[in-house]
C-alpha cells in the first residue's frame, strides 16, 4: 500500500508539472525516493505547449539515448519519461 501511495503521488506531481507547462522539450530529472535514493530519468516532451499523456519506462540502461520508438511517440503527442 505504501508503494502504491508513493507512486500515486509521483504520478500526480508529474501530471501537475505537465499541466503547468513548466517543462521544456528534454530534461534530465531526479525523482527522490523515500529511502533517500534519487532515480535519474530523461523526459522528452512534444514541441507544442499543453498537457500530454505520459508513457513511463524504467530501465537501468541507456536512459539518455532516445530511440526511434520514443521519438515516434513524442511526435504523436506523448510525453516520454525514461
Protein backbone atom coordinates (compact mmCIF):
# COMPACT_ATOMS: atom_id res chain seq x y z
CA UNK A 1 0.00 0.00 0.00
CA UNK A 2 2.88 2.36 0.84
CA UNK A 3 4.44 1.69 -2.59
CA UNK A 4 1.13 2.42 -4.33
CA UNK A 5 0.68 5.70 -2.44
CA UNK A 6 4.21 6.84 -3.31
CA UNK A 7 3.67 6.08 -7.00
CA UNK A 8 0.28 7.78 -7.00
CA UNK A 9 1.82 10.95 -5.51
CA UNK A 10 4.70 10.85 -8.01
CA UNK A 11 2.26 10.43 -10.92
CA UNK A 12 0.18 13.35 -9.65
CA UNK A 13 3.27 15.58 -9.45
CA UNK A 14 4.35 14.68 -12.98
CA UNK A 15 0.85 15.44 -14.33
CA UNK A 16 0.86 18.73 -12.39
CA UNK A 17 4.17 19.73 -13.99
CA UNK A 18 2.79 18.97 -17.45
CA UNK A 19 -0.38 20.93 -16.88
CA UNK A 20 1.59 23.98 -15.70
CA UNK A 21 3.82 23.91 -18.83
CA UNK A 22 6.95 24.31 -16.68
CA UNK A 23 9.00 21.75 -18.58
CA UNK A 24 10.82 22.18 -21.88
CA UNK A 25 11.37 19.70 -24.71
CA UNK A 26 14.00 17.46 -23.00
CA UNK A 27 15.02 17.39 -19.36
CA UNK A 28 17.16 15.30 -17.06
CA UNK A 29 15.25 14.98 -13.80
CA UNK A 30 15.80 13.33 -10.42
CA UNK A 31 12.95 11.55 -8.64
CA UNK A 32 13.55 11.28 -4.86
CA UNK A 33 12.59 8.00 -3.17
CA UNK A 34 11.63 7.59 0.50
CA UNK A 35 15.00 5.96 1.35
CA UNK A 36 16.94 9.00 0.07
CA UNK A 37 17.96 7.47 -3.27
CA UNK A 38 17.38 9.67 -6.32
CA UNK A 39 16.33 7.95 -9.54
CA UNK A 40 17.57 9.80 -12.61
CA UNK A 41 15.34 9.98 -15.66
CA UNK A 42 15.13 11.67 -19.05
CA UNK A 43 11.92 13.41 -20.04
CA UNK A 44 11.02 14.14 -23.67
CA UNK A 45 8.06 16.38 -24.50
CA UNK A 46 6.38 17.36 -27.76
CA UNK A 47 7.40 20.80 -29.01
CA UNK A 48 3.90 22.26 -28.62
CA UNK A 49 2.55 23.71 -25.36
CA UNK A 50 -0.13 21.85 -23.44
CA UNK A 51 -0.89 18.78 -21.37
CA UNK A 52 0.19 15.39 -22.71
CA UNK A 53 -0.45 11.72 -21.92
CA UNK A 54 2.68 10.18 -20.36
CA UNK A 55 4.49 6.97 -21.26
CA UNK A 56 6.72 5.80 -18.39
CA UNK A 57 9.63 3.39 -18.90
CA UNK A 58 12.18 2.37 -16.27
CA UNK A 59 15.46 0.83 -17.39
CA UNK A 60 18.98 0.71 -15.95
CA UNK A 61 20.47 1.14 -19.45
CA UNK A 62 20.78 4.00 -21.98
CA UNK A 63 18.32 6.45 -20.40
CA UNK A 64 19.95 9.37 -22.23
CA UNK A 65 19.62 7.87 -25.70
CA UNK A 66 16.29 8.49 -27.36
CA UNK A 67 15.38 5.59 -29.57
CA UNK A 68 13.11 5.55 -32.62
CA UNK A 69 10.18 4.23 -30.58
CA UNK A 70 10.40 7.13 -28.10
CA UNK A 71 10.75 9.68 -30.90
CA UNK A 72 7.70 8.20 -32.62
CA UNK A 73 5.56 8.66 -29.51
CA UNK A 74 6.86 12.20 -28.87
CA UNK A 75 5.99 13.09 -32.48
CA UNK A 76 2.46 11.71 -31.90
CA UNK A 77 1.94 13.99 -28.87
CA UNK A 78 3.02 11.83 -25.93
CA UNK A 79 5.45 12.78 -23.20
CA UNK A 80 8.04 10.03 -22.60
CA UNK A 81 9.80 9.50 -19.24
CA UNK A 82 12.70 7.00 -19.30
